[in-house]
């Protein structure tokens, strides 16, 4: 009876959940394997925790700071993935990403509804389809959707002055994902604007979250290793200096406009409307400030689109709420808006389907990965191009791979070796066989994609140092002759 009453009371929320669950499921299963790169790593890490518990060692990449001092800065995310590992690692990862993304959009809708925003489904759908790149990232088995939920709850708890709830959210967020500093940024911006408007500083809004973060760092299965790695991850790998990970690099102007044109149109339209009205309330001001901050950050690194998008939509939905109320008496405008939204959604989903298939390359290595598993002795070191690590790691965690997860980890581990490695990938010859001299690897796994061609040419140049063991249309596997 209670379930029936709950569903009756929250039927709109339930229908929104079903709507996004259906849409995301359809796109997720346009390909049978895990979409993207990160999911292979995350679901395998969850599987290892399920079987071995928390461990402070990560021997799977030999040329990485993780091989010396390991802490899982996303361990709560891996724990949340554990139930899905029972469904098979690939299917489990796909189902987890569907559920997490669906919950993110459902919570976004819920927050708009709680704030009496007109047409919350319209704004939530705009958020979901605002960028093909963002839609693609919601299909990846990553912590990002759960981070968005954490930020939405943070906004709600700030509104309600629910300090203990803020503490708990901060604690869980810190266990979940090293992006918890985004939560601190949001709280700080709110605190500053609120204190200016109300001429009162509510320090509890920042002290409780800080206490939650401190507790999460200390009450942690990886303490104290997690402190150093959190600092490295936040300041040396991501925010200040990620050297090699494409998702942390900026878009060129064409890409910036292509992947964000709808968000830019919404933002500019909202700002023009506000200028005409000469009125800006506290919440829209907070969201505008955050939208601008994340826009600047996004120009520096495309990854920040994950936060620019929701706060731009929140800025627009809150700022234009008095204007959208007029739609209720203008049926023609509602129909036009609905048709326009449907057309944008169809166009975006068609584009997304192409985008998924153009970026779905790792399963191309399936036969080569299976050959490694069946023919290469346990604990052998395999020289690889770093982008293949996550896939090979899922397929076979009994081997050791030279590079993986993030090449900045390799740079911090051995700058000179990494620079020579990069020079080889770019077609430059350091003058000797780095696979033997710098890495002392046992085997080489080299793909036949564009990013591997220079490495292939380099291996051919030093062909006498290798014995070809396996080759197919996608990969070559060689034994290093020592």
Foldseek 3Di string as FASTA:
>chain_A
DVVVVVCVVCVVLVVLLVVLLVVLLVLLVLDQFAFDFCLLQLLLVLVCCVVPNDDQADQQAPLFCSRVGNDPQAVVLSPVLNVLVVVPSGRSLQVQLSNLLSVLLSLQLVLCVVVVFPPSVLLSLCLCLQFLVLVSVSRHSACLSVLSSLLSVLVVCVVVVVLLVLLQSLLNNRNRDLVSVVSLVLLVLLQVLCCVVVVDGDCSSNPSSVNSNVCNCCPGPSPPSVVVVSCCCCDVCADPHNDDDQQFAADPPVVVCNGRVSLVVLQVVLVVVCVVVVDDDSQLVSLNVQLVVLVVSCRGGVNSVSVNSSSSSSSNRVSCRVVVVVVVVPVVVVVVSVVVSVVSNVVSSVVSSVVRVVRPCQCVCVVVLVCCVVPPDFAAEEEEDASNSSVSCSSDVRYHYHHYDGCSSSCVSPVVLSVCVVCQLVQHHPPDDCCCVVPVGFKYKAWDDPSRPSVVVVCVVVVVQWDWDDDDNTITMIGGHD
